[in-house]
Protein backbone atom coordinates (compact mmCIF):
# COMPACT_ATOMS: atom_id res chain seq x y z
CA UNK A 1 60.46 105.10 122.16
CA UNK A 2 59.06 106.50 125.40
CA UNK A 3 62.07 105.09 127.26
CA UNK A 4 64.64 106.78 125.03
CA UNK A 5 66.36 109.74 126.62
CA UNK A 6 69.15 110.29 124.04
CA UNK A 7 69.48 109.80 120.27
CA UNK A 8 72.81 110.12 118.46
CA UNK A 9 72.86 110.72 114.70
CA UNK A 10 76.35 110.04 113.39
CA UNK A 11 77.39 111.60 110.07
CA UNK A 12 73.84 112.18 108.78
CA UNK A 13 75.30 113.88 105.69
CA UNK A 14 76.02 110.35 104.42
CA UNK A 15 72.43 109.15 104.86
CA UNK A 16 71.02 108.19 101.46
CA UNK A 17 67.51 109.35 102.35
CA UNK A 18 67.07 112.00 105.01
CA UNK A 19 63.35 111.30 105.20
CA UNK A 20 63.99 107.74 106.43
CA UNK A 21 64.62 109.01 109.97
CA UNK A 22 61.50 111.20 110.03
CA UNK A 23 59.25 108.62 111.77
CA UNK A 24 61.84 108.06 114.51
CA UNK A 25 62.50 111.74 115.18
CA UNK A 26 58.83 112.72 115.12
CA UNK A 27 57.91 110.08 117.73
CA UNK A 28 60.72 110.96 120.13
CA UNK A 29 59.70 112.40 123.48
CA UNK A 30 60.15 116.17 123.53
CA UNK A 31 62.59 115.96 126.44
CA UNK A 32 64.82 113.39 124.70
CA UNK A 33 68.33 114.69 124.01
CA UNK A 34 69.37 114.87 120.36
CA UNK A 35 73.06 114.70 119.47
CA UNK A 36 74.19 115.18 115.86
CA UNK A 37 77.78 114.27 114.98
CA UNK A 38 78.76 115.64 111.56
CA UNK A 39 81.78 116.58 109.49
CA UNK A 40 79.74 118.91 107.26
CA UNK A 41 77.49 121.18 109.38
CA UNK A 42 76.26 123.18 106.39
CA UNK A 43 74.92 120.07 104.65
CA UNK A 44 72.79 119.04 107.64
CA UNK A 45 71.53 122.52 108.54
CA UNK A 46 67.97 121.64 107.46
CA UNK A 47 67.99 118.48 109.60
CA UNK A 48 69.25 120.42 112.63
CA UNK A 49 66.61 123.10 112.13
CA UNK A 50 63.88 120.48 111.91
CA UNK A 51 64.84 118.15 114.77
CA UNK A 52 67.38 119.99 116.98
CA UNK A 53 66.51 123.68 117.00
CA UNK A 54 68.63 125.98 119.15
CA UNK A 55 71.14 123.17 119.53
CA UNK A 56 74.43 123.78 121.32
CA UNK A 57 77.16 123.59 118.65
CA UNK A 58 80.64 122.39 119.58
CA UNK A 59 83.79 122.07 117.45
CA UNK A 60 82.36 123.69 114.31
CA UNK A 61 83.12 127.16 112.90
CA UNK A 62 80.53 129.83 113.48
CA UNK A 63 78.02 130.36 110.66
CA UNK A 64 79.44 132.52 107.89
CA UNK A 65 83.06 131.80 108.78
CA UNK A 66 85.51 129.76 106.74
CA UNK A 67 87.80 127.32 108.53
CA UNK A 68 91.50 127.79 107.80
CA UNK A 69 92.88 124.78 105.94
CA UNK A 70 96.36 123.55 106.79
CA UNK A 71 98.78 121.48 104.77
CA UNK A 72 100.17 120.11 102.64
CA UNK A 73 99.39 116.52 103.62
CA UNK A 74 99.53 113.18 101.92
CA UNK A 75 96.53 110.86 102.09
CA UNK A 76 96.04 107.11 101.82
CA UNK A 77 92.61 105.61 101.16
CA UNK A 78 92.40 102.43 103.23
CA UNK A 79 89.61 100.24 104.72
CA UNK A 80 89.02 100.66 108.45
CA UNK A 81 90.29 97.16 109.22
CA UNK A 82 93.49 97.58 107.17
CA UNK A 83 94.89 100.73 108.76
CA UNK A 84 97.54 98.85 110.75
CA UNK A 85 98.57 96.75 107.74
CA UNK A 86 98.81 99.93 105.65
CA UNK A 87 101.56 101.23 107.94
CA UNK A 88 103.98 98.55 106.76
CA UNK A 89 103.18 99.38 103.13
CA UNK A 90 103.78 103.08 103.83
CA UNK A 91 107.19 102.40 105.34
CA UNK A 92 108.12 100.34 102.29
CA UNK A 93 106.91 103.08 99.93
CA UNK A 94 108.36 106.16 101.65
CA UNK A 95 111.39 104.66 103.45
CA UNK A 96 111.46 107.55 105.97
CA UNK A 97 114.56 108.19 108.10
CA UNK A 98 112.29 108.35 111.16
CA UNK A 99 108.60 107.63 111.70
CA UNK A 100 105.99 108.67 114.25
CA UNK A 101 102.53 107.07 114.33
CA UNK A 102 100.00 109.34 116.02
CA UNK A 103 96.69 107.99 117.33
CA UNK A 104 93.92 109.24 119.60
CA UNK A 105 94.59 106.49 122.15
CA UNK A 106 96.52 103.24 122.54
CA UNK A 107 93.60 100.99 121.67
CA UNK A 108 95.32 99.79 118.47
CA UNK A 109 98.84 99.62 119.88
CA UNK A 110 99.07 95.82 119.60
CA UNK A 111 97.99 95.83 115.92
CA UNK A 112 100.43 98.65 115.15
CA UNK A 113 103.26 96.81 116.89
CA UNK A 114 102.54 93.73 114.79
CA UNK A 115 102.73 95.80 111.60
CA UNK A 116 105.81 97.82 112.60
CA UNK A 117 108.83 97.26 114.73
CA UNK A 118 108.55 100.08 117.29
CA UNK A 119 112.19 100.93 117.86
CA UNK A 120 112.74 104.35 119.38
CA UNK A 121 113.81 106.85 118.23
CA UNK A 122 113.40 105.69 114.60
CA UNK A 123 109.79 104.47 114.99
CA UNK A 124 107.50 105.74 117.75
CA UNK A 125 103.80 105.61 118.68
CA UNK A 126 102.41 108.71 120.39
CA UNK A 127 99.00 109.97 121.48
CA UNK A 128 99.91 113.56 122.38
CA UNK A 129 102.27 116.04 120.75
CA UNK A 130 104.36 114.42 118.05
CA UNK A 131 108.16 114.84 118.22
CA UNK A 132 110.06 115.86 115.10
CA UNK A 133 110.31 113.06 112.54
CA UNK A 134 110.80 112.50 108.84
CA UNK A 135 107.21 111.22 108.46
CA UNK A 136 104.24 111.37 110.79
CA UNK A 137 101.28 109.06 110.10
CA UNK A 138 97.93 110.03 111.60
CA UNK A 139 96.40 106.65 112.37
CA UNK A 140 93.21 108.43 113.47
CA UNK A 141 91.87 111.64 111.98
CA UNK A 142 93.17 114.62 113.99
CA UNK A 143 91.42 117.85 114.90
CA UNK A 144 92.54 120.96 112.96
CA UNK A 145 94.59 122.08 115.96
CA UNK A 146 96.26 118.68 116.31
CA UNK A 147 96.98 118.59 112.56
CA UNK A 148 98.81 121.91 112.84
CA UNK A 149 101.01 120.45 115.57
CA UNK A 150 101.74 117.33 113.53
CA UNK A 151 102.67 119.44 110.49
CA UNK A 152 105.05 121.49 112.62
CA UNK A 153 106.87 118.26 113.49
CA UNK A 154 107.25 116.74 110.01
CA UNK A 155 105.59 115.56 106.81
CA UNK A 156 102.10 114.22 107.58
CA UNK A 157 100.25 111.28 106.04
CA UNK A 158 96.54 110.91 106.82
CA UNK A 159 94.89 107.47 106.71
CA UNK A 160 91.42 107.97 105.19
CA UNK A 161 88.95 105.11 105.70
CA UNK A 162 85.68 105.24 103.70
CA UNK A 163 83.43 108.10 104.77
CA UNK A 164 86.18 110.32 106.17
CA UNK A 165 87.09 112.12 102.96
CA UNK A 166 84.64 114.96 103.62
CA UNK A 167 86.17 115.69 107.02
CA UNK A 168 89.71 115.62 105.61
CA UNK A 169 88.69 118.10 102.91
CA UNK A 170 87.43 120.47 105.63
CA UNK A 171 90.68 120.59 107.58
CA UNK A 172 93.55 119.99 105.13
CA UNK A 173 94.72 121.35 101.78
CA UNK A 174 96.44 120.66 99.55
CA UNK A 175 95.97 116.89 99.81
CA UNK A 176 98.07 114.58 97.70
CA UNK A 177 97.00 110.91 97.50
CA UNK A 178 99.52 108.09 97.81
CA UNK A 179 99.16 104.64 96.28
CA UNK A 180 100.36 101.79 98.41
CA UNK A 181 102.29 98.95 96.75
CA UNK A 182 99.67 96.44 97.90
CA UNK A 183 96.84 98.37 96.25
CA UNK A 184 97.87 97.51 92.71
CA UNK A 185 98.83 93.95 91.82
CA UNK A 186 102.26 93.30 90.40
CA UNK A 187 102.33 93.30 86.63
CA UNK A 188 102.52 89.81 85.17
CA UNK A 189 102.87 88.44 81.68
CA UNK A 190 99.56 86.60 81.96
CA UNK A 191 97.71 89.93 82.39
CA UNK A 192 99.35 91.66 79.41
CA UNK A 193 96.54 90.83 76.97
CA UNK A 194 93.93 92.18 79.35
CA UNK A 195 95.87 95.42 79.77
CA UNK A 196 96.11 95.69 76.01
CA UNK A 197 92.33 95.47 75.70
CA UNK A 198 91.95 98.27 78.25
CA UNK A 199 94.47 100.44 76.39
CA UNK A 200 92.62 99.91 73.12
CA UNK A 201 89.39 100.95 74.83
CA UNK A 202 91.03 104.13 76.12
CA UNK A 203 92.47 105.00 72.72
CA UNK A 204 89.20 104.41 70.88
CA UNK A 205 87.67 107.54 72.45
CA UNK A 206 86.61 109.14 75.72
CA UNK A 207 84.08 106.88 77.52
CA UNK A 208 81.82 109.77 78.56
CA UNK A 209 78.91 107.62 79.77
CA UNK A 210 81.19 105.44 81.87
CA UNK A 211 82.88 108.48 83.43
CA UNK A 212 79.53 109.98 84.42
CA UNK A 213 78.46 106.69 85.98
CA UNK A 214 81.69 106.18 87.93
CA UNK A 215 82.34 109.78 89.03
CA UNK A 216 80.51 109.38 92.40
CA UNK A 217 82.55 106.24 93.16
CA UNK A 218 85.83 108.07 92.43
CA UNK A 219 84.87 110.69 95.01
CA UNK A 220 84.28 108.12 97.77
CA UNK A 221 86.87 105.43 96.97
CA UNK A 222 90.41 105.14 95.67
CA UNK A 223 90.09 105.14 91.83
CA UNK A 224 92.55 102.24 91.62
CA UNK A 225 90.28 100.14 93.86
CA UNK A 226 87.25 101.06 91.72
CA UNK A 227 89.17 99.99 88.62
CA UNK A 228 90.16 96.72 90.34
CA UNK A 229 86.53 95.97 91.25
CA UNK A 230 85.42 96.64 87.68
CA UNK A 231 88.23 94.40 86.43
CA UNK A 232 86.99 91.57 88.67
CA UNK A 233 83.46 92.00 87.31
CA UNK A 234 84.83 91.98 83.77
CA UNK A 235 86.77 88.76 84.36
CA UNK A 236 83.79 87.16 86.14
CA UNK A 237 81.65 87.89 83.08
CA UNK A 238 83.98 85.66 81.05
CA UNK A 239 84.79 88.24 78.38
CA UNK A 240 87.57 86.90 76.17
CA UNK A 241 90.51 89.06 75.14
CA UNK A 242 93.28 88.50 72.59
CA UNK A 243 96.34 86.76 73.98
CA UNK A 244 98.86 88.55 71.79
CA UNK A 245 100.02 92.14 72.03
CA UNK A 246 101.04 93.13 68.52
CA UNK A 247 99.86 96.73 68.95
CA UNK A 248 101.53 97.44 72.29
CA UNK A 249 105.08 98.80 71.88
CA UNK A 250 107.90 97.86 74.22
CA UNK A 251 108.15 101.46 75.44
CA UNK A 252 105.90 104.48 75.72
CA UNK A 253 106.54 108.17 76.18
CA UNK A 254 105.15 110.22 79.05
CA UNK A 255 104.25 113.83 78.31
CA UNK A 256 105.29 116.01 81.28
CA UNK A 257 104.12 119.62 81.41
CA UNK A 258 107.45 121.19 82.35
CA UNK A 259 110.32 122.15 80.07
CA UNK A 260 113.37 124.31 79.47
CA UNK A 261 111.55 127.60 80.01
CA UNK A 262 110.74 126.42 83.56
CA UNK A 263 114.39 125.69 84.27
CA UNK A 264 113.81 121.92 84.38
CA UNK A 265 116.62 119.47 83.62
CA UNK A 266 116.75 115.78 82.79
CA UNK A 267 118.15 115.15 86.27
CA UNK A 268 115.07 116.80 87.80
CA UNK A 269 112.78 114.40 85.94
CA UNK A 270 114.87 111.34 86.77
CA UNK A 271 114.96 112.32 90.46
CA UNK A 272 111.18 112.68 90.62
CA UNK A 273 110.63 109.37 88.84
CA UNK A 274 112.94 107.44 91.14
CA UNK A 275 112.09 109.14 94.46
CA UNK A 276 108.45 110.18 94.10
CA UNK A 277 107.09 107.59 91.65
CA UNK A 278 109.45 104.82 92.82
CA UNK A 279 110.34 103.81 89.27
CA UNK A 280 113.52 101.80 88.94
CA UNK A 281 116.31 103.87 87.36
CA UNK A 282 117.00 101.14 84.81
CA UNK A 283 113.44 101.53 83.45
CA UNK A 284 113.91 105.20 82.54
CA UNK A 285 114.81 105.66 78.90
CA UNK A 286 115.46 108.74 76.83
CA UNK A 287 114.47 112.11 78.32
CA UNK A 288 113.62 114.76 75.71
CA UNK A 289 113.53 118.33 77.03
CA UNK A 290 111.50 120.76 74.93
CA UNK A 291 110.79 124.42 75.54
CA UNK A 292 107.39 124.01 77.23
CA UNK A 293 107.24 120.27 77.99
CA UNK A 294 109.27 117.08 78.21
CA UNK A 295 108.94 113.51 76.97
CA UNK A 296 110.20 110.61 79.08
CA UNK A 297 110.52 107.07 77.75
CA UNK A 298 109.37 104.27 80.10
CA UNK A 299 108.25 100.63 79.66
CA UNK A 300 104.79 100.48 78.06
CA UNK A 301 103.33 98.38 80.88
CA UNK A 302 104.32 101.06 83.42
CA UNK A 303 103.23 104.09 81.38
CA UNK A 304 99.71 104.59 82.77
CA UNK A 305 100.83 104.16 86.39
CA UNK A 306 103.79 106.53 85.98
CA UNK A 307 101.69 109.22 84.29
CA UNK A 308 99.05 109.02 87.01
CA UNK A 309 101.64 109.22 89.79
CA UNK A 310 103.37 112.22 88.16
CA UNK A 311 100.17 114.27 88.03
CA UNK A 312 100.33 117.01 90.66
CA UNK A 313 104.04 116.58 91.46
CA UNK A 314 106.03 119.82 91.79
CA UNK A 315 109.16 120.37 89.70
CA UNK A 316 111.02 123.68 89.89
CA UNK A 317 108.11 125.19 91.84
CA UNK A 318 105.63 124.23 89.12
CA UNK A 319 102.78 121.79 89.71
CA UNK A 320 102.93 119.57 86.64
CA UNK A 321 100.47 117.57 84.60
CA UNK A 322 101.40 114.29 82.93
CA UNK A 323 99.84 111.81 80.55
CA UNK A 324 100.82 109.00 78.22
CA UNK A 325 101.88 110.55 74.92
CA UNK A 326 99.77 109.19 72.05
CA UNK A 327 102.09 110.38 69.33
CA UNK A 328 100.35 113.65 68.47
CA UNK A 329 102.61 116.07 66.70
CA UNK A 330 104.00 118.87 68.88
CA UNK A 331 105.90 121.16 66.47
CA UNK A 332 108.41 123.60 67.87
CA UNK A 333 107.72 127.26 67.22
CA UNK A 334 109.73 128.48 64.24
CA UNK A 335 110.21 131.91 62.83
CA UNK A 336 108.34 132.62 59.65
CA UNK A 337 110.54 133.35 56.68
CA UNK A 338 109.50 136.44 54.77
CA UNK A 339 108.16 135.62 51.35
CA UNK A 340 107.87 137.78 48.28
CA UNK A 341 105.39 140.60 48.70
CA UNK A 342 102.42 140.49 46.43
CA UNK A 343 101.98 143.34 44.02
CA UNK A 344 98.65 144.99 44.40
């Protein structure tokens, strides 16, 4: 340790045990330089006070100030080594009229070129100011100032590898997650019985204990990837499931929290389902518009995915909620008919 002149602590807010670095820091020479790289200064304030007092702070808001969030942005949770591959999935999902990929440098240019056909002006790779485009993908996480410039040029999608969610939350809001086609496997007939078992588990009651156990994972990883990992563990355990689906109907209804009083129309719902959720028009059944909500008929095997994708979408300037309708009665409000008055 006597030969060390600089120590860099990268993202110490993610360290599981802060005390684990105590022996190292205590034995450092007093003149050794200490550099702390963090996306959450307030969460490492105690560590800074203990090991880097009177440190020069760069790139962080002054104490007591609140950084201005910019947005809206879309986000994609993706492993570090799949960022380039995710670009092709994004193009397939969004089908933008023009695309700009922004990165800090050109170190990944070859991988990006393999994933996309860089044909200007439709598809471009830039490292400075982004030109106007239908969609701008931030291959690397931008600074707040750079994010403002990207947003001024078009709709922005942030690629969020594991561990970067905290930083994204500090610079951008609102954030709307996107699911890539490759994230969820295509629905097959062979998996229908397994899906049925999951549906029965959901309908049997709220799994409170499971939700408490998994909540930290949902904060750090894409929930669909967590579900996929649990599914693999379930299959590896050899749990048998029924092969028939007598209790799963051919169609299900999606409850959508927007209705006539909001000015919504059936065309609004169909447009969102086809453009935002990417549901084939032929899969959309009857649309029932009620005063305060709507019911949309879709294939049963698509119901959970569609409801999840609809959550948070804006229709007629209203941010909606959606869920699979379980058949609970929703009576319309009716006027009470006056009855005979009781004689006192």
